[in-house]
C-alpha cells in the first residue's frame, strides 16, 4: 500500500540571517496566502532552544508580510531586552525590519 506524504515544509519566500550572541539565527518569511477574506504570512525563527513558528494575518498580502516582519522584529528586540542577548544584523544593532510606531524606541538607531 502506498501512502501519500504531504510535505509541510515549503521553501521560504525570503530569509534573513541575524546573529545572536555571535551565532547565526535564521528568520524565514513564507509567501502570503489567502485565508478567507484575509491573508496570512507564516514566519519561522530558529531560536537556539526551539524554533518559533507563527501565522500573521493582514487584510492583503502586503499588510500580512509587513506585520509578519514587524512581529519578528519585536521578537528579536524582546530577546535583546528581556534576555540580554546581543542581536545584530550586518554587525549593527538596528535590525532593518519594520516596526510598529509604539515600539520604535526599542530600535536603537530608530531608522525603521
PDB file of N, CA and C in Angstrom:
ATOM      1  N   UNK A   1       0.831  -1.171   0.000  1.00  0.00           N
ATOM      2  CA  UNK A   1       0.000   0.000   0.000  1.00  0.00           C
ATOM      3  C   UNK A   1       0.880   1.241   0.000  1.00  0.00           C
ATOM      4  N   UNK A   2       0.574   2.181  -0.876  1.00  0.00           N
ATOM      5  CA  UNK A   2       1.328   3.434  -0.946  1.00  0.00           C
ATOM      6  C   UNK A   2       0.604   4.518  -0.171  1.00  0.00           C
ATOM      7  N   UNK A   3       1.364   5.271   0.562  1.00  0.00           N
ATOM      8  CA  UNK A   3       0.794   6.362   1.345  1.00  0.00           C
ATOM      9  C   UNK A   3       1.356   7.671   0.800  1.00  0.00           C
ATOM     10  N   UNK A   4       0.473   8.594   0.506  1.00  0.00           N
ATOM     11  CA  UNK A   4       0.917   9.911   0.042  1.00  0.00           C
ATOM     12  C   UNK A   4       1.504  10.682   1.213  1.00  0.00           C
ATOM     13  N   UNK A   5       2.658  11.253   0.997  1.00  0.00           N
ATOM     14  CA  UNK A   5       3.316  12.039   2.027  1.00  0.00           C
ATOM     15  C   UNK A   5       3.126  13.508   1.691  1.00  0.00           C
ATOM     16  N   UNK A   6       2.557  14.230   2.606  1.00  0.00           N
ATOM     17  CA  UNK A   6       2.375  15.664   2.419  1.00  0.00           C
ATOM     18  C   UNK A   6       3.574  16.387   3.003  1.00  0.00           C
ATOM     19  N   UNK A   7       4.200  17.203   2.213  1.00  0.00           N
ATOM     20  CA  UNK A   7       5.373  17.953   2.664  1.00  0.00           C
ATOM     21  C   UNK A   7       4.927  19.282   3.241  1.00  0.00           C
ATOM     22  N   UNK A   8       4.994  19.411   4.550  1.00  0.00           N
ATOM     23  CA  UNK A   8       4.607  20.648   5.225  1.00  0.00           C
ATOM     24  C   UNK A   8       5.624  21.757   4.977  1.00  0.00           C
ATOM     25  N   UNK A   9       6.877  21.358   4.811  1.00  0.00           N
ATOM     26  CA  UNK A   9       7.954  22.346   4.696  1.00  0.00           C
ATOM     27  C   UNK A   9       8.076  22.812   3.258  1.00  0.00           C
ATOM     28  N   UNK A  10       7.700  24.043   3.005  1.00  0.00           N
ATOM     29  CA  UNK A  10       7.905  24.626   1.696  1.00  0.00           C
ATOM     30  C   UNK A  10       9.044  25.626   1.798  1.00  0.00           C
ATOM     31  N   UNK A  11       9.550  26.019   0.657  1.00  0.00           N
ATOM     32  CA  UNK A  11      10.667  26.962   0.650  1.00  0.00           C
ATOM     33  C   UNK A  11      10.184  28.335   1.113  1.00  0.00           C
ATOM     34  N   UNK A  12      10.980  29.015   1.910  1.00  0.00           N
ATOM     35  CA  UNK A  12      10.584  30.360   2.346  1.00  0.00           C
ATOM     36  C   UNK A  12      10.578  31.334   1.172  1.00  0.00           C
ATOM     37  N   UNK A  13       9.749  32.329   1.279  1.00  0.00           N
ATOM     38  CA  UNK A  13       9.661  33.416   0.317  1.00  0.00           C
ATOM     39  C   UNK A  13      10.924  34.269   0.428  1.00  0.00           C
ATOM     40  N   UNK A  14      11.283  34.611   1.659  1.00  0.00           N
ATOM     41  CA  UNK A  14      12.512  35.363   1.941  1.00  0.00           C
ATOM     42  C   UNK A  14      13.080  34.903   3.279  1.00  0.00           C
ATOM     43  N   UNK A  15      14.381  35.096   3.438  1.00  0.00           N
ATOM     44  CA  UNK A  15      15.053  34.704   4.678  1.00  0.00           C
ATOM     45  C   UNK A  15      16.107  35.750   5.002  1.00  0.00           C
ATOM     46  N   UNK A  16      16.259  36.029   6.285  1.00  0.00           N
ATOM     47  CA  UNK A  16      17.331  36.923   6.734  1.00  0.00           C
ATOM     48  C   UNK A  16      18.062  36.226   7.862  1.00  0.00           C
ATOM     49  N   UNK A  17      19.382  36.351   7.832  1.00  0.00           N
ATOM     50  CA  UNK A  17      20.227  35.772   8.875  1.00  0.00           C
ATOM     51  C   UNK A  17      20.710  36.899   9.781  1.00  0.00           C
ATOM     52  N   UNK A  18      20.363  36.787  11.055  1.00  0.00           N
ATOM     53  CA  UNK A  18      20.835  37.703  12.088  1.00  0.00           C
ATOM     54  C   UNK A  18      21.922  36.973  12.868  1.00  0.00           C
ATOM     55  N   UNK A  19      22.569  37.657  13.784  1.00  0.00           N
ATOM     56  CA  UNK A  19      23.447  36.981  14.735  1.00  0.00           C
ATOM     57  C   UNK A  19      22.903  37.234  16.133  1.00  0.00           C
ATOM     58  N   UNK A  20      22.939  36.195  16.935  1.00  0.00           N
ATOM     59  CA  UNK A  20      22.539  36.281  18.339  1.00  0.00           C
ATOM     60  C   UNK A  20      23.706  35.752  19.152  1.00  0.00           C
ATOM     61  N   UNK A  21      24.284  36.635  19.944  1.00  0.00           N
ATOM     62  CA  UNK A  21      25.469  36.283  20.739  1.00  0.00           C
ATOM     63  C   UNK A  21      26.557  35.667  19.873  1.00  0.00           C
ATOM     64  N   UNK A  22      26.691  36.189  18.650  1.00  0.00           N
ATOM     65  CA  UNK A  22      27.744  35.754  17.738  1.00  0.00           C
ATOM     66  C   UNK A  22      27.413  34.548  16.877  1.00  0.00           C
ATOM     67  N   UNK A  23      26.267  33.919  17.082  1.00  0.00           N
ATOM     68  CA  UNK A  23      25.877  32.750  16.284  1.00  0.00           C
ATOM     69  C   UNK A  23      24.770  33.129  15.302  1.00  0.00           C
ATOM     70  N   UNK A  24      24.753  32.506  14.114  1.00  0.00           N
ATOM     71  CA  UNK A  24      23.714  32.839  13.134  1.00  0.00           C
ATOM     72  C   UNK A  24      22.330  32.405  13.597  1.00  0.00           C
ATOM     73  N   UNK A  25      21.337  33.211  13.247  1.00  0.00           N
ATOM     74  CA  UNK A  25      19.937  32.928  13.562  1.00  0.00           C
ATOM     75  C   UNK A  25      19.117  33.228  12.310  1.00  0.00           C
ATOM     76  N   UNK A  26      18.494  32.195  11.743  1.00  0.00           N
ATOM     77  CA  UNK A  26      17.692  32.359  10.526  1.00  0.00           C
ATOM     78  C   UNK A  26      16.264  32.755  10.883  1.00  0.00           C
ATOM     79  N   UNK A  27      15.742  33.727  10.144  1.00  0.00           N
ATOM     80  CA  UNK A  27      14.343  34.120  10.232  1.00  0.00           C
ATOM     81  C   UNK A  27      13.776  34.008   8.825  1.00  0.00           C
ATOM     82  N   UNK A  28      12.687  33.246   8.703  1.00  0.00           N
ATOM     83  CA  UNK A  28      12.097  32.996   7.398  1.00  0.00           C
ATOM     84  C   UNK A  28      10.676  33.541   7.326  1.00  0.00           C
ATOM     85  N   UNK A  29      10.349  34.048   6.150  1.00  0.00           N
ATOM     86  CA  UNK A  29       9.009  34.542   5.856  1.00  0.00           C
ATOM     87  C   UNK A  29       8.514  33.777   4.643  1.00  0.00           C
ATOM     88  N   UNK A  30       7.294  33.273   4.742  1.00  0.00           N
ATOM     89  CA  UNK A  30       6.725  32.489   3.653  1.00  0.00           C
ATOM     90  C   UNK A  30       5.741  33.348   2.866  1.00  0.00           C
ATOM     91  N   UNK A  31       5.555  32.987   1.616  1.00  0.00           N
ATOM     92  CA  UNK A  31       4.665  33.739   0.731  1.00  0.00           C
ATOM     93  C   UNK A  31       3.286  33.882   1.369  1.00  0.00           C
ATOM     94  N   UNK A  32       2.759  35.103   1.440  1.00  0.00           N
ATOM     95  CA  UNK A  32       1.404  35.276   1.974  1.00  0.00           C
ATOM     96  C   UNK A  32       0.395  34.472   1.160  1.00  0.00           C
ATOM     97  N   UNK A  33      -0.581  33.909   1.873  1.00  0.00           N
ATOM     98  CA  UNK A  33      -1.611  33.090   1.232  1.00  0.00           C
ATOM     99  C   UNK A  33      -2.982  33.588   1.652  1.00  0.00           C
ATOM    100  N   UNK A  34      -3.929  33.491   0.724  1.00  0.00           N
ATOM    101  CA  UNK A  34      -5.304  33.878   1.023  1.00  0.00           C
ATOM    102  C   UNK A  34      -5.857  32.974   2.114  1.00  0.00           C
ATOM    103  N   UNK A  35      -6.596  33.580   3.037  1.00  0.00           N
ATOM    104  CA  UNK A  35      -7.245  32.848   4.121  1.00  0.00           C
ATOM    105  C   UNK A  35      -8.641  33.460   4.300  1.00  0.00           C
ATOM    106  N   UNK A  36      -9.586  32.946   3.543  1.00  0.00           N
ATOM    107  CA  UNK A  36     -10.906  33.560   3.536  1.00  0.00           C
ATOM    108  C   UNK A  36     -10.806  34.922   2.875  1.00  0.00           C
ATOM    109  N   UNK A  37     -11.293  35.943   3.550  1.00  0.00           N
ATOM    110  CA  UNK A  37     -11.209  37.310   3.013  1.00  0.00           C
ATOM    111  C   UNK A  37      -9.897  37.990   3.375  1.00  0.00           C
ATOM    112  N   UNK A  38      -9.114  37.382   4.241  1.00  0.00           N
ATOM    113  CA  UNK A  38      -7.843  37.957   4.687  1.00  0.00           C
ATOM    114  C   UNK A  38      -6.672  37.192   4.089  1.00  0.00           C
ATOM    115  N   UNK A  39      -5.482  37.557   4.531  1.00  0.00           N
ATOM    116  CA  UNK A  39      -4.248  36.920   4.073  1.00  0.00           C
ATOM    117  C   UNK A  39      -3.411  36.538   5.284  1.00  0.00           C
ATOM    118  N   UNK A  40      -2.630  35.478   5.149  1.00  0.00           N
ATOM    119  CA  UNK A  40      -1.760  35.011   6.233  1.00  0.00           C
ATOM    120  C   UNK A  40      -0.325  34.896   5.725  1.00  0.00           C
ATOM    121  N   UNK A  41       0.615  35.288   6.571  1.00  0.00           N
ATOM    122  CA  UNK A  41       2.040  35.133   6.271  1.00  0.00           C
ATOM    123  C   UNK A  41       2.670  34.345   7.416  1.00  0.00           C
ATOM    124  N   UNK A  42       3.234  33.190   7.094  1.00  0.00           N
ATOM    125  CA  UNK A  42       3.879  32.371   8.122  1.00  0.00           C
ATOM    126  C   UNK A  42       5.313  32.832   8.325  1.00  0.00           C
ATOM    127  N   UNK A  43       5.781  32.726   9.567  1.00  0.00           N
ATOM    128  CA  UNK A  43       7.162  33.063   9.900  1.00  0.00           C
ATOM    129  C   UNK A  43       7.783  31.927  10.706  1.00  0.00           C
ATOM    130  N   UNK A  44       9.095  31.849  10.644  1.00  0.00           N
ATOM    131  CA  UNK A  44       9.852  30.912  11.478  1.00  0.00           C
ATOM    132  C   UNK A  44      11.105  31.617  11.958  1.00  0.00           C
ATOM    133  N   UNK A  45      11.380  31.483  13.240  1.00  0.00           N
ATOM    134  CA  UNK A  45      12.638  31.965  13.822  1.00  0.00           C
ATOM    135  C   UNK A  45      13.329  30.750  14.426  1.00  0.00           C
ATOM    136  N   UNK A  46      14.554  30.489  14.017  1.00  0.00           N
ATOM    137  CA  UNK A  46      15.301  29.329  14.519  1.00  0.00           C
ATOM    138  C   UNK A  46      16.021  29.652  15.828  1.00  0.00           C
ATOM    139  N   UNK A  47      15.232  29.901  16.886  1.00  0.00           N
ATOM    140  CA  UNK A  47      15.832  30.172  18.202  1.00  0.00           C
ATOM    141  C   UNK A  47      16.679  28.983  18.649  1.00  0.00           C
ATOM    142  N   UNK A  48      17.718  29.224  19.429  1.00  0.00           N
ATOM    143  CA  UNK A  48      18.575  28.121  19.889  1.00  0.00           C
ATOM    144  C   UNK A  48      17.807  27.056  20.684  1.00  0.00           C
ATOM    145  N   UNK A  49      16.849  27.460  21.508  1.00  0.00           N
ATOM    146  CA  UNK A  49      16.136  26.484  22.338  1.00  0.00           C
ATOM    147  C   UNK A  49      15.076  25.720  21.554  1.00  0.00           C
ATOM    148  N   UNK A  50      14.401  26.366  20.612  1.00  0.00           N
ATOM    149  CA  UNK A  50      13.373  25.713  19.781  1.00  0.00           C
ATOM    150  C   UNK A  50      12.888  26.700  18.732  1.00  0.00           C
ATOM    151  N   UNK A  51      12.599  26.235  17.523  1.00  0.00           N
ATOM    152  CA  UNK A  51      12.072  27.146  16.504  1.00  0.00           C
ATOM    153  C   UNK A  51      10.709  27.709  16.911  1.00  0.00           C
ATOM    154  N   UNK A  52      10.458  28.931  16.495  1.00  0.00           N
ATOM    155  CA  UNK A  52       9.151  29.549  16.754  1.00  0.00           C
ATOM    156  C   UNK A  52       8.475  29.794  15.414  1.00  0.00           C
ATOM    157  N   UNK A  53       7.275  29.250  15.269  1.00  0.00           N
ATOM    158  CA  UNK A  53       6.509  29.401  14.031  1.00  0.00           C
ATOM    159  C   UNK A  53       5.237  30.171  14.349  1.00  0.00           C
ATOM    160  N   UNK A  54       4.905  31.107  13.467  1.00  0.00           N
ATOM    161  CA  UNK A  54       3.696  31.911  13.639  1.00  0.00           C
ATOM    162  C   UNK A  54       3.007  32.106  12.303  1.00  0.00           C
ATOM    163  N   UNK A  55       1.759  32.495  12.414  1.00  0.00           N
ATOM    164  CA  UNK A  55       0.949  32.837  11.249  1.00  0.00           C
ATOM    165  C   UNK A  55       0.351  34.205  11.524  1.00  0.00           C
ATOM    166  N   UNK A  56       0.739  35.208  10.733  1.00  0.00           N
ATOM    167  CA  UNK A  56       0.319  36.583  10.958  1.00  0.00           C
ATOM    168  C   UNK A  56      -0.686  36.974   9.873  1.00  0.00           C
ATOM    169  N   UNK A  57      -1.792  37.570  10.309  1.00  0.00           N
ATOM    170  CA  UNK A  57      -2.881  37.914   9.404  1.00  0.00           C
ATOM    171  C   UNK A  57      -2.838  39.384   8.986  1.00  0.00           C
ATOM    172  N   UNK A  58      -3.312  39.652   7.762  1.00  0.00           N
ATOM    173  CA  UNK A  58      -3.460  41.008   7.250  1.00  0.00           C
ATOM    174  C   UNK A  58      -4.631  41.069   6.297  1.00  0.00           C
ATOM    175  N   UNK A  59      -5.020  42.273   5.913  1.00  0.00           N
ATOM    176  CA  UNK A  59      -6.157  42.418   5.005  1.00  0.00           C
ATOM    177  C   UNK A  59      -5.782  42.158   3.554  1.00  0.00           C
ATOM    178  N   UNK A  60      -4.497  42.218   3.247  1.00  0.00           N
ATOM    179  CA  UNK A  60      -3.999  41.886   1.916  1.00  0.00           C
ATOM    180  C   UNK A  60      -2.596  41.311   2.079  1.00  0.00           C
ATOM    181  N   UNK A  61      -1.993  40.795   1.004  1.00  0.00           N
ATOM    182  CA  UNK A  61      -0.686  40.151   1.168  1.00  0.00           C
ATOM    183  C   UNK A  61       0.415  41.103   1.641  1.00  0.00           C
ATOM    184  N   UNK A  62       0.358  42.353   1.241  1.00  0.00           N
ATOM    185  CA  UNK A  62       1.387  43.312   1.662  1.00  0.00           C
ATOM    186  C   UNK A  62       1.303  43.548   3.167  1.00  0.00           C
ATOM    187  N   UNK A  63       0.089  43.784   3.675  1.00  0.00           N
ATOM    188  CA  UNK A  63      -0.056  44.013   5.110  1.00  0.00           C
ATOM    189  C   UNK A  63       0.348  42.775   5.901  1.00  0.00           C
ATOM    190  N   UNK A  64      -0.025  41.589   5.427  1.00  0.00           N
ATOM    191  CA  UNK A  64       0.350  40.359   6.134  1.00  0.00           C
ATOM    192  C   UNK A  64       1.868  40.233   6.227  1.00  0.00           C
ATOM    193  N   UNK A  65       2.579  40.513   5.133  1.00  0.00           N
ATOM    194  CA  UNK A  65       4.041  40.425   5.146  1.00  0.00           C
ATOM    195  C   UNK A  65       4.652  41.495   6.043  1.00  0.00           C
ATOM    196  N   UNK A  66       4.174  42.728   5.952  1.00  0.00           N
ATOM    197  CA  UNK A  66       4.713  43.805   6.799  1.00  0.00           C
ATOM    198  C   UNK A  66       4.488  43.526   8.282  1.00  0.00           C
ATOM    199  N   UNK A  67       3.284  43.051   8.631  1.00  0.00           N
ATOM    200  CA  UNK A  67       3.013  42.727  10.034  1.00  0.00           C
ATOM    201  C   UNK A  67       3.848  41.540  10.504  1.00  0.00           C
ATOM    202  N   UNK A  68       4.081  40.573   9.624  1.00  0.00           N
ATOM    203  CA  UNK A  68       4.933  39.435   9.978  1.00  0.00           C
ATOM    204  C   UNK A  68       6.358  39.905  10.251  1.00  0.00           C
ATOM    205  N   UNK A  69       6.862  40.803   9.415  1.00  0.00           N
ATOM    206  CA  UNK A  69       8.214  41.344   9.633  1.00  0.00           C
ATOM    207  C   UNK A  69       8.286  42.138  10.928  1.00  0.00           C
ATOM    208  N   UNK A  70       7.251  42.921  11.204  1.00  0.00           N
ATOM    209  CA  UNK A  70       7.220  43.698  12.450  1.00  0.00           C
ATOM    210  C   UNK A  70       7.173  42.774  13.663  1.00  0.00           C
ATOM    211  N   UNK A  71       6.438  41.659  13.556  1.00  0.00           N
ATOM    212  CA  UNK A  71       6.346  40.710  14.673  1.00  0.00           C
ATOM    213  C   UNK A  71       7.707  40.054  14.941  1.00  0.00           C
ATOM    214  N   UNK A  72       8.397  39.653  13.879  1.00  0.00           N
ATOM    215  CA  UNK A  72       9.732  39.069  14.048  1.00  0.00           C
ATOM    216  C   UNK A  72      10.677  40.102  14.654  1.00  0.00           C
ATOM    217  N   UNK A  73      10.592  41.329  14.183  1.00  0.00           N
ATOM    218  CA  UNK A  73      11.428  42.403  14.733  1.00  0.00           C
ATOM    219  C   UNK A  73      11.173  42.545  16.234  1.00  0.00           C
ATOM    220  N   UNK A  74       9.911  42.539  16.618  1.00  0.00           N
ATOM    221  CA  UNK A  74       9.534  42.642  18.033  1.00  0.00           C
ATOM    222  C   UNK A  74      10.108  41.464  18.835  1.00  0.00           C
ATOM    223  N   UNK A  75      10.014  40.258  18.293  1.00  0.00           N
ATOM    224  CA  UNK A  75      10.571  39.079  18.976  1.00  0.00           C
ATOM    225  C   UNK A  75      12.074  39.220  19.189  1.00  0.00           C
ATOM    226  N   UNK A  76      12.781  39.713  18.169  1.00  0.00           N
ATOM    227  CA  UNK A  76      14.232  39.878  18.279  1.00  0.00           C
ATOM    228  C   UNK A  76      14.592  40.952  19.310  1.00  0.00           C
ATOM    229  N   UNK A  77      13.858  42.051  19.284  1.00  0.00           N
ATOM    230  CA  UNK A  77      14.115  43.116  20.264  1.00  0.00           C
ATOM    231  C   UNK A  77      13.770  42.674  21.681  1.00  0.00           C
ATOM    232  N   UNK A  78      12.744  41.858  21.824  1.00  0.00           N
ATOM    233  CA  UNK A  78      12.378  41.326  23.134  1.00  0.00           C
ATOM    234  C   UNK A  78      13.485  40.424  23.672  1.00  0.00           C
ATOM    235  N   UNK A  79      14.070  39.609  22.800  1.00  0.00           N
ATOM    236  CA  UNK A  79      15.191  38.759  23.227  1.00  0.00           C
ATOM    237  C   UNK A  79      16.355  39.619  23.705  1.00  0.00           C
ATOM    238  N   UNK A  80      16.562  40.721  23.047  1.00  0.00           N
ATOM    239  CA  UNK A  80      17.636  41.639  23.448  1.00  0.00           C
ATOM    240  C   UNK A  80      17.311  42.271  24.810  1.00  0.00           C
ATOM    241  N   UNK A  81      16.107  42.781  24.950  1.00  0.00           N
ATOM    242  CA  UNK A  81      15.720  43.480  26.176  1.00  0.00           C
ATOM    243  C   UNK A  81      15.548  42.545  27.372  1.00  0.00           C
ATOM    244  N   UNK A  82      14.798  41.460  27.173  1.00  0.00           N
ATOM    245  CA  UNK A  82      14.443  40.587  28.300  1.00  0.00           C
ATOM    246  C   UNK A  82      15.514  39.560  28.647  1.00  0.00           C
ATOM    247  N   UNK A  83      16.218  39.066  27.637  1.00  0.00           N
ATOM    248  CA  UNK A  83      17.209  38.013  27.871  1.00  0.00           C
ATOM    249  C   UNK A  83      18.647  38.526  27.853  1.00  0.00           C
ATOM    250  N   UNK A  84      18.819  39.786  27.454  1.00  0.00           N
ATOM    251  CA  UNK A  84      20.160  40.358  27.403  1.00  0.00           C
ATOM    252  C   UNK A  84      20.998  39.840  26.251  1.00  0.00           C
ATOM    253  N   UNK A  85      20.361  39.283  25.222  1.00  0.00           N
ATOM    254  CA  UNK A  85      21.102  38.734  24.085  1.00  0.00           C
ATOM    255  C   UNK A  85      21.593  39.855  23.173  1.00  0.00           C
ATOM    256  N   UNK A  86      22.739  39.652  22.573  1.00  0.00           N
ATOM    257  CA  UNK A  86      23.295  40.580  21.600  1.00  0.00           C
ATOM    258  C   UNK A  86      22.762  40.180  20.224  1.00  0.00           C
ATOM    259  N   UNK A  87      21.726  40.891  19.765  1.00  0.00           N
ATOM    260  CA  UNK A  87      21.073  40.586  18.485  1.00  0.00           C
ATOM    261  C   UNK A  87      21.519  41.627  17.466  1.00  0.00           C
ATOM    262  N   UNK A  88      22.035  41.150  16.320  1.00  0.00           N
ATOM    263  CA  UNK A  88      22.574  42.060  15.298  1.00  0.00           C
ATOM    264  C   UNK A  88      22.225  41.598  13.892  1.00  0.00           C
ATOM    265  N   UNK A  89      22.275  42.569  12.980  1.00  0.00           N
ATOM    266  CA  UNK A  89      22.161  42.291  11.549  1.00  0.00           C
ATOM    267  C   UNK A  89      23.242  43.114  10.863  1.00  0.00           C
ATOM    268  N   UNK A  90      24.040  42.466  10.043  1.00  0.00           N
ATOM    269  CA  UNK A  90      25.166  43.126   9.379  1.00  0.00           C
ATOM    270  C   UNK A  90      26.068  43.825  10.398  1.00  0.00           C
ATOM    271  N   UNK A  91      26.249  43.177  11.523  1.00  0.00           N
ATOM    272  CA  UNK A  91      27.090  43.667  12.621  1.00  0.00           C
ATOM    273  C   UNK A  91      26.610  45.009  13.185  1.00  0.00           C
ATOM    274  N   UNK A  92      25.316  45.264  13.075  1.00  0.00           N
ATOM    275  CA  UNK A  92      24.723  46.507  13.576  1.00  0.00           C
ATOM    276  C   UNK A  92      23.588  46.152  14.532  1.00  0.00           C
ATOM    277  N   UNK A  93      23.304  47.025  15.479  1.00  0.00           N
ATOM    278  CA  UNK A  93      22.217  46.766  16.427  1.00  0.00           C
ATOM    279  C   UNK A  93      20.843  47.076  15.842  1.00  0.00           C
ATOM    280  N   UNK A  94      20.763  47.931  14.803  1.00  0.00           N
ATOM    281  CA  UNK A  94      19.491  48.166  14.140  1.00  0.00           C
ATOM    282  C   UNK A  94      19.263  46.994  13.185  1.00  0.00           C
ATOM    283  N   UNK A  95      18.076  46.388  13.246  1.00  0.00           N
ATOM    284  CA  UNK A  95      17.843  45.099  12.593  1.00  0.00           C
ATOM    285  C   UNK A  95      17.239  45.191  11.200  1.00  0.00           C
ATOM    286  N   UNK A  96      16.914  46.379  10.723  1.00  0.00           N
ATOM    287  CA  UNK A  96      16.487  46.554   9.346  1.00  0.00           C
ATOM    288  C   UNK A  96      15.146  45.943   8.988  1.00  0.00           C
ATOM    289  N   UNK A  97      14.245  45.855   9.951  1.00  0.00           N
ATOM    290  CA  UNK A  97      12.896  45.360   9.703  1.00  0.00           C
ATOM    291  C   UNK A  97      11.899  46.428  10.138  1.00  0.00           C
ATOM    292  N   UNK A  98      10.681  46.411   9.559  1.00  0.00           N
ATOM    293  CA  UNK A  98       9.680  47.383  10.005  1.00  0.00           C
ATOM    294  C   UNK A  98       9.292  47.157  11.456  1.00  0.00           C
ATOM    295  N   UNK A  99       8.803  48.209  12.079  1.00  0.00           N
ATOM    296  CA  UNK A  99       8.405  48.145  13.480  1.00  0.00           C
ATOM    297  C   UNK A  99       7.214  49.064  13.682  1.00  0.00           C
ATOM    298  N   UNK A 100       6.270  48.636  14.489  1.00  0.00           N
ATOM    299  CA  UNK A 100       5.103  49.474  14.753  1.00  0.00           C
ATOM    300  C   UNK A 100       5.533  50.718  15.529  1.00  0.00           C
ATOM    301  N   UNK A 101       4.828  51.825  15.328  1.00  0.00           N
ATOM    302  CA  UNK A 101       5.240  53.092  15.962  1.00  0.00           C
ATOM    303  C   UNK A 101       5.370  53.023  17.480  1.00  0.00           C
ATOM    304  N   UNK A 102       4.528  52.246  18.149  1.00  0.00           N
ATOM    305  CA  UNK A 102       4.589  52.207  19.611  1.00  0.00           C
ATOM    306  C   UNK A 102       5.827  51.486  20.136  1.00  0.00           C
ATOM    307  N   UNK A 103       6.587  50.813  19.275  1.00  0.00           N
ATOM    308  CA  UNK A 103       7.801  50.111  19.706  1.00  0.00           C
ATOM    309  C   UNK A 103       9.080  50.724  19.130  1.00  0.00           C
ATOM    310  N   UNK A 104       8.966  51.832  18.460  1.00  0.00           N
ATOM    311  CA  UNK A 104      10.135  52.413  17.788  1.00  0.00           C
ATOM    312  C   UNK A 104      11.260  52.798  18.741  1.00  0.00           C
ATOM    313  N   UNK A 105      10.947  53.082  20.002  1.00  0.00           N
ATOM    314  CA  UNK A 105      12.002  53.443  20.945  1.00  0.00           C
ATOM    315  C   UNK A 105      12.924  52.274  21.254  1.00  0.00           C
ATOM    316  N   UNK A 106      12.506  51.043  20.909  1.00  0.00           N
ATOM    317  CA  UNK A 106      13.370  49.870  21.112  1.00  0.00           C
ATOM    318  C   UNK A 106      14.412  49.711  20.017  1.00  0.00           C
ATOM    319  N   UNK A 107      14.197  50.380  18.872  1.00  0.00           N
ATOM    320  CA  UNK A 107      15.162  50.321  17.771  1.00  0.00           C
ATOM    321  C   UNK A 107      16.229  51.367  18.062  1.00  0.00           C
ATOM    322  N   UNK A 108      17.437  50.947  18.390  1.00  0.00           N
ATOM    323  CA  UNK A 108      18.455  51.869  18.891  1.00  0.00           C
ATOM    324  C   UNK A 108      18.747  53.057  17.978  1.00  0.00           C
ATOM    325  N   UNK A 109      18.739  52.856  16.668  1.00  0.00           N
ATOM    326  CA  UNK A 109      19.025  53.966  15.774  1.00  0.00           C
ATOM    327  C   UNK A 109      17.758  54.544  15.176  1.00  0.00           C
ATOM    328  N   UNK A 110      16.624  53.910  15.409  1.00  0.00           N
ATOM    329  CA  UNK A 110      15.341  54.438  15.014  1.00  0.00           C
ATOM    330  C   UNK A 110      15.159  54.707  13.540  1.00  0.00           C
ATOM    331  N   UNK A 111      15.815  53.916  12.685  1.00  0.00           N
ATOM    332  CA  UNK A 111      15.705  54.229  11.250  1.00  0.00           C
ATOM    333  C   UNK A 111      14.606  53.451  10.557  1.00  0.00           C
ATOM    334  N   UNK A 112      13.924  52.547  11.234  1.00  0.00           N
ATOM    335  CA  UNK A 112      12.786  51.866  10.615  1.00  0.00           C
ATOM    336  C   UNK A 112      11.580  51.927  11.508  1.00  0.00           C
TER     337      UNK A 112
END
